[in-house]
Amino acid sequence: MSKQIVLETDFAKNKPSVVEEFVAGAKKGFYISAEMVVPAMVLAYVLIRFLDITGLMLIVGKLLGPVMAVFGLPGEAIIALVAAFFAKAAGAATAATLYSNGVITAAQATILFPACITMGTLIGHFVRIVIVSNANKKWHPLLLCVPLVDAVVVMLLTRMVLKLMGLN
């Protein structure tokens, strides 16, 4: 019986306080932001500036305009999806930059956001999960396509919801 009391008191001594838990969580959140979100936002900004300065944004917009019009988006919006392919935060930051530059509207950014989240970080996740787990190679194309199909479906659904709400 006395051993149980000693174990319970030892546990109580080693249990972190609410403040310690909060500080640890805040610290973890800061590092996630500093290591993942900020670099993705910088990547998005640099990508858009490069495309703007070189005139490639107009070319991309004209080439992909008809495809992106299906989703109610201008052709330039593909840049956010390409950025999301590498990192969710980069896709969301690219969409936000396109919005702040007046390239897309708030409704169009709303259409892009769930697609960026749905297919975001596809390359990283594919390598970390599919390749590392040594999944059968015959399934690799399907495993790459599923998030892309999900992104298409979510953009169509979001456009439909916005249209029903009278926002698109």
C-alpha atoms as a PDB file:
ATOM      1  CA  MET A   1       0.000   0.000   0.000  1.00  0.00           C
ATOM      2  CA  SER A   2       2.805   2.437   0.851  1.00  0.00           C
ATOM      3  CA  LYS A   3       4.474   1.801  -2.520  1.00  0.00           C
ATOM      4  CA  GLN A   4       1.288   2.918  -4.289  1.00  0.00           C
ATOM      5  CA  ILE A   5       1.207   6.159  -2.286  1.00  0.00           C
ATOM      6  CA  VAL A   6       4.888   6.818  -3.087  1.00  0.00           C
ATOM      7  CA  LEU A   7       4.269   6.201  -6.815  1.00  0.00           C
ATOM      8  CA  GLU A   8       1.264   8.544  -6.836  1.00  0.00           C
ATOM      9  CA  THR A   9       3.192  11.316  -5.117  1.00  0.00           C
ATOM     10  CA  ASP A  10       6.164  10.850  -7.497  1.00  0.00           C
ATOM     11  CA  PHE A  11       3.791  11.193 -10.459  1.00  0.00           C
ATOM     12  CA  ALA A  12       2.302  14.347  -8.991  1.00  0.00           C
ATOM     13  CA  LYS A  13       5.795  15.823  -8.574  1.00  0.00           C
ATOM     14  CA  ASN A  14       6.795  15.059 -12.192  1.00  0.00           C
ATOM     15  CA  LYS A  15       3.552  16.183 -13.794  1.00  0.00           C
ATOM     16  CA  PRO A  16       4.073  19.519 -15.610  1.00  0.00           C
ATOM     17  CA  SER A  17       1.902  22.437 -14.550  1.00  0.00           C
ATOM     18  CA  VAL A  18      -0.646  24.067 -16.841  1.00  0.00           C
ATOM     19  CA  VAL A  19       1.715  27.000 -17.345  1.00  0.00           C
ATOM     20  CA  GLU A  20       4.580  24.676 -18.298  1.00  0.00           C
ATOM     21  CA  GLU A  21       2.306  22.855 -20.773  1.00  0.00           C
ATOM     22  CA  PHE A  22       1.188  26.176 -22.259  1.00  0.00           C
ATOM     23  CA  VAL A  23       4.763  27.443 -22.629  1.00  0.00           C
ATOM     24  CA  ALA A  24       5.853  24.164 -24.237  1.00  0.00           C
ATOM     25  CA  GLY A  25       2.938  24.339 -26.692  1.00  0.00           C
ATOM     26  CA  ALA A  26       3.621  27.987 -27.525  1.00  0.00           C
ATOM     27  CA  LYS A  27       7.286  27.184 -28.086  1.00  0.00           C
ATOM     28  CA  LYS A  28       6.374  24.305 -30.388  1.00  0.00           C
ATOM     29  CA  GLY A  29       3.929  26.544 -32.293  1.00  0.00           C
ATOM     30  CA  PHE A  30       6.585  29.224 -32.711  1.00  0.00           C
ATOM     31  CA  TYR A  31       9.083  26.723 -34.131  1.00  0.00           C
ATOM     32  CA  ILE A  32       6.499  25.278 -36.526  1.00  0.00           C
ATOM     33  CA  SER A  33       5.771  28.795 -37.733  1.00  0.00           C
ATOM     34  CA  ALA A  34       9.427  29.730 -38.029  1.00  0.00           C
ATOM     35  CA  GLU A  35      10.486  26.517 -39.719  1.00  0.00           C
ATOM     36  CA  MET A  36       7.513  25.801 -42.008  1.00  0.00           C
ATOM     37  CA  VAL A  37       5.043  28.631 -42.454  1.00  0.00           C
ATOM     38  CA  VAL A  38       7.414  31.581 -42.869  1.00  0.00           C
ATOM     39  CA  PRO A  39       9.641  29.859 -45.470  1.00  0.00           C
ATOM     40  CA  ALA A  40       6.522  28.792 -47.382  1.00  0.00           C
ATOM     41  CA  MET A  41       5.229  32.360 -47.378  1.00  0.00           C
ATOM     42  CA  VAL A  42       8.593  33.643 -48.596  1.00  0.00           C
ATOM     43  CA  LEU A  43       8.605  30.983 -51.338  1.00  0.00           C
ATOM     44  CA  ALA A  44       5.122  32.032 -52.417  1.00  0.00           C
ATOM     45  CA  TYR A  45       6.049  35.709 -52.501  1.00  0.00           C
ATOM     46  CA  VAL A  46       9.256  35.081 -54.469  1.00  0.00           C
ATOM     47  CA  LEU A  47       7.434  32.809 -56.929  1.00  0.00           C
ATOM     48  CA  ILE A  48       4.741  35.388 -57.634  1.00  0.00           C
ATOM     49  CA  ARG A  49       7.228  38.253 -57.914  1.00  0.00           C
ATOM     50  CA  PHE A  50       9.377  36.217 -60.317  1.00  0.00           C
ATOM     51  CA  LEU A  51       6.392  35.363 -62.488  1.00  0.00           C
ATOM     52  CA  ASP A  52       5.223  38.992 -62.448  1.00  0.00           C
ATOM     53  CA  ILE A  53       8.621  40.481 -63.278  1.00  0.00           C
ATOM     54  CA  THR A  54       9.325  38.038 -66.105  1.00  0.00           C
ATOM     55  CA  GLY A  55       5.838  38.357 -67.590  1.00  0.00           C
ATOM     56  CA  LEU A  56       5.252  34.642 -67.155  1.00  0.00           C
ATOM     57  CA  MET A  57       2.183  35.291 -64.976  1.00  0.00           C
ATOM     58  CA  LEU A  58       0.305  36.696 -67.984  1.00  0.00           C
ATOM     59  CA  ILE A  59       1.373  33.788 -70.177  1.00  0.00           C
ATOM     60  CA  VAL A  60       0.358  31.215 -67.555  1.00  0.00           C
ATOM     61  CA  GLY A  61      -2.928  33.049 -67.036  1.00  0.00           C
ATOM     62  CA  LYS A  62      -3.778  33.005 -70.733  1.00  0.00           C
ATOM     63  CA  LEU A  63      -2.739  29.382 -71.251  1.00  0.00           C
ATOM     64  CA  LEU A  64      -4.601  27.987 -68.254  1.00  0.00           C
ATOM     65  CA  GLY A  65      -7.502  30.431 -68.175  1.00  0.00           C
ATOM     66  CA  PRO A  66      -9.971  28.060 -69.866  1.00  0.00           C
ATOM     67  CA  VAL A  67      -9.098  25.178 -67.521  1.00  0.00           C
ATOM     68  CA  MET A  68      -9.285  27.272 -64.360  1.00  0.00           C
ATOM     69  CA  ALA A  69     -12.522  28.930 -65.550  1.00  0.00           C
ATOM     70  CA  VAL A  70     -14.279  25.623 -64.823  1.00  0.00           C
ATOM     71  CA  PHE A  71     -13.656  26.392 -61.151  1.00  0.00           C
ATOM     72  CA  GLY A  72     -14.524  30.079 -61.488  1.00  0.00           C
ATOM     73  CA  LEU A  73     -10.867  31.060 -61.255  1.00  0.00           C
ATOM     74  CA  PRO A  74      -8.499  33.023 -63.494  1.00  0.00           C
ATOM     75  CA  GLY A  75      -5.596  31.139 -65.062  1.00  0.00           C
ATOM     76  CA  GLU A  76      -3.112  32.766 -62.682  1.00  0.00           C
ATOM     77  CA  ALA A  77      -4.719  30.880 -59.791  1.00  0.00           C
ATOM     78  CA  ILE A  78      -2.891  27.722 -60.899  1.00  0.00           C
ATOM     79  CA  ILE A  79       0.212  29.211 -59.253  1.00  0.00           C
ATOM     80  CA  ALA A  80      -1.378  28.753 -55.822  1.00  0.00           C
ATOM     81  CA  LEU A  81      -2.135  25.105 -56.622  1.00  0.00           C
ATOM     82  CA  VAL A  82       1.419  24.494 -57.827  1.00  0.00           C
ATOM     83  CA  ALA A  83       2.792  26.071 -54.646  1.00  0.00           C
ATOM     84  CA  ALA A  84       0.403  23.934 -52.554  1.00  0.00           C
ATOM     85  CA  PHE A  85       1.739  20.842 -54.308  1.00  0.00           C
ATOM     86  CA  PHE A  86       4.964  21.419 -52.369  1.00  0.00           C
ATOM     87  CA  ALA A  87       3.590  22.944 -49.144  1.00  0.00           C
ATOM     88  CA  LYS A  88       0.081  23.724 -47.901  1.00  0.00           C
ATOM     89  CA  ALA A  89       1.251  26.990 -46.372  1.00  0.00           C
ATOM     90  CA  ALA A  90       2.892  28.019 -49.645  1.00  0.00           C
ATOM     91  CA  GLY A  91      -0.361  27.441 -51.527  1.00  0.00           C
ATOM     92  CA  ALA A  92      -2.410  29.372 -48.989  1.00  0.00           C
ATOM     93  CA  ALA A  93       0.171  32.184 -48.902  1.00  0.00           C
ATOM     94  CA  THR A  94       0.223  32.319 -52.700  1.00  0.00           C
ATOM     95  CA  ALA A  95      -3.566  32.576 -52.797  1.00  0.00           C
ATOM     96  CA  ALA A  96      -3.423  35.349 -50.183  1.00  0.00           C
ATOM     97  CA  THR A  97      -0.778  37.190 -52.211  1.00  0.00           C
ATOM     98  CA  LEU A  98      -2.824  36.825 -55.398  1.00  0.00           C
ATOM     99  CA  TYR A  99      -5.786  38.268 -53.491  1.00  0.00           C
ATOM    100  CA  SER A 100      -3.807  41.165 -52.031  1.00  0.00           C
ATOM    101  CA  ASN A 101      -2.426  41.944 -55.515  1.00  0.00           C
ATOM    102  CA  GLY A 102      -5.958  42.059 -56.922  1.00  0.00           C
ATOM    103  CA  VAL A 103      -5.470  39.040 -59.186  1.00  0.00           C
ATOM    104  CA  ILE A 104      -8.264  37.051 -57.505  1.00  0.00           C
ATOM    105  CA  THR A 105     -11.310  37.987 -55.456  1.00  0.00           C
ATOM    106  CA  ALA A 106     -12.122  36.872 -51.918  1.00  0.00           C
ATOM    107  CA  ALA A 107     -14.574  34.293 -53.308  1.00  0.00           C
ATOM    108  CA  GLN A 108     -11.892  32.922 -55.629  1.00  0.00           C
ATOM    109  CA  ALA A 109      -9.423  32.720 -52.736  1.00  0.00           C
ATOM    110  CA  THR A 110     -12.117  30.810 -50.852  1.00  0.00           C
ATOM    111  CA  ILE A 111     -12.307  28.319 -53.726  1.00  0.00           C
ATOM    112  CA  LEU A 112      -8.527  27.876 -53.716  1.00  0.00           C
ATOM    113  CA  PHE A 113      -8.037  27.435 -49.973  1.00  0.00           C
ATOM    114  CA  PRO A 114      -9.649  23.990 -49.488  1.00  0.00           C
ATOM    115  CA  ALA A 115      -7.869  22.710 -52.584  1.00  0.00           C
ATOM    116  CA  CYS A 116      -4.530  23.895 -51.191  1.00  0.00           C
ATOM    117  CA  ILE A 117      -5.243  22.093 -47.937  1.00  0.00           C
ATOM    118  CA  THR A 118      -6.593  18.942 -49.607  1.00  0.00           C
ATOM    119  CA  MET A 119      -3.676  18.384 -51.953  1.00  0.00           C
ATOM    120  CA  GLY A 120      -1.091  20.387 -50.045  1.00  0.00           C
ATOM    121  CA  THR A 121       2.370  19.046 -49.396  1.00  0.00           C
ATOM    122  CA  LEU A 122       1.675  16.153 -51.752  1.00  0.00           C
ATOM    123  CA  ILE A 123       5.328  15.629 -52.632  1.00  0.00           C
ATOM    124  CA  GLY A 124       6.502  15.646 -49.008  1.00  0.00           C
ATOM    125  CA  HIS A 125       3.746  13.360 -47.794  1.00  0.00           C
ATOM    126  CA  PHE A 126       4.236  11.011 -50.742  1.00  0.00           C
ATOM    127  CA  VAL A 127       7.928  10.622 -49.966  1.00  0.00           C
ATOM    128  CA  ARG A 128       7.488  10.368 -46.186  1.00  0.00           C
ATOM    129  CA  ILE A 129       4.597   7.919 -46.297  1.00  0.00           C
ATOM    130  CA  VAL A 130       4.424   6.032 -49.579  1.00  0.00           C
ATOM    131  CA  ILE A 131       8.107   5.699 -50.413  1.00  0.00           C
ATOM    132  CA  VAL A 132       9.301   5.121 -46.839  1.00  0.00           C
ATOM    133  CA  SER A 133       6.584   2.523 -46.200  1.00  0.00           C
ATOM    134  CA  ASN A 134       7.692   0.743 -49.376  1.00  0.00           C
ATOM    135  CA  ALA A 135       4.156   0.634 -50.810  1.00  0.00           C
ATOM    136  CA  ASN A 136       3.701  -1.431 -53.930  1.00  0.00           C
ATOM    137  CA  LYS A 137       4.891   0.654 -56.905  1.00  0.00           C
ATOM    138  CA  LYS A 138       1.851  -0.241 -58.995  1.00  0.00           C
ATOM    139  CA  TRP A 139      -0.224   1.936 -56.617  1.00  0.00           C
ATOM    140  CA  HIS A 140       2.064   5.001 -56.748  1.00  0.00           C
ATOM    141  CA  PRO A 141       0.235   6.745 -59.626  1.00  0.00           C
ATOM    142  CA  LEU A 142      -3.116   6.236 -57.918  1.00  0.00           C
ATOM    143  CA  LEU A 143      -1.763   7.478 -54.590  1.00  0.00           C
ATOM    144  CA  LEU A 144      -0.507  10.621 -56.329  1.00  0.00           C
ATOM    145  CA  CYS A 145      -3.779  11.205 -58.202  1.00  0.00           C
ATOM    146  CA  VAL A 146      -6.231  10.814 -55.312  1.00  0.00           C
ATOM    147  CA  PRO A 147      -5.328  14.147 -53.633  1.00  0.00           C
ATOM    148  CA  LEU A 148      -5.459  15.891 -57.010  1.00  0.00           C
ATOM    149  CA  VAL A 149      -8.940  14.511 -57.698  1.00  0.00           C
ATOM    150  CA  ASP A 150      -9.952  15.530 -54.168  1.00  0.00           C
ATOM    151  CA  ALA A 151      -8.745  19.079 -54.884  1.00  0.00           C
ATOM    152  CA  VAL A 152     -10.790  19.232 -58.099  1.00  0.00           C
ATOM    153  CA  VAL A 153     -13.908  17.979 -56.310  1.00  0.00           C
ATOM    154  CA  VAL A 154     -13.507  20.400 -53.391  1.00  0.00           C
ATOM    155  CA  MET A 155     -13.023  23.373 -55.740  1.00  0.00           C
ATOM    156  CA  LEU A 156     -16.193  22.466 -57.624  1.00  0.00           C
ATOM    157  CA  LEU A 157     -18.130  21.989 -54.394  1.00  0.00           C
ATOM    158  CA  THR A 158     -16.850  25.237 -52.909  1.00  0.00           C
ATOM    159  CA  ARG A 159     -17.768  27.108 -56.084  1.00  0.00           C
ATOM    160  CA  MET A 160     -21.257  25.582 -55.957  1.00  0.00           C
ATOM    161  CA  VAL A 161     -21.734  26.542 -52.294  1.00  0.00           C
ATOM    162  CA  LEU A 162     -20.550  30.084 -52.956  1.00  0.00           C
ATOM    163  CA  LYS A 163     -22.903  30.337 -55.909  1.00  0.00           C
ATOM    164  CA  LEU A 164     -25.821  29.100 -53.775  1.00  0.00           C
ATOM    165  CA  MET A 165     -24.930  31.733 -51.187  1.00  0.00           C
ATOM    166  CA  GLY A 166     -24.817  34.395 -53.887  1.00  0.00           C
ATOM    167  CA  LEU A 167     -21.139  35.132 -53.284  1.00  0.00           C
ATOM    168  CA  ASN A 168     -19.734  34.040 -56.614  1.00  0.00           C
END
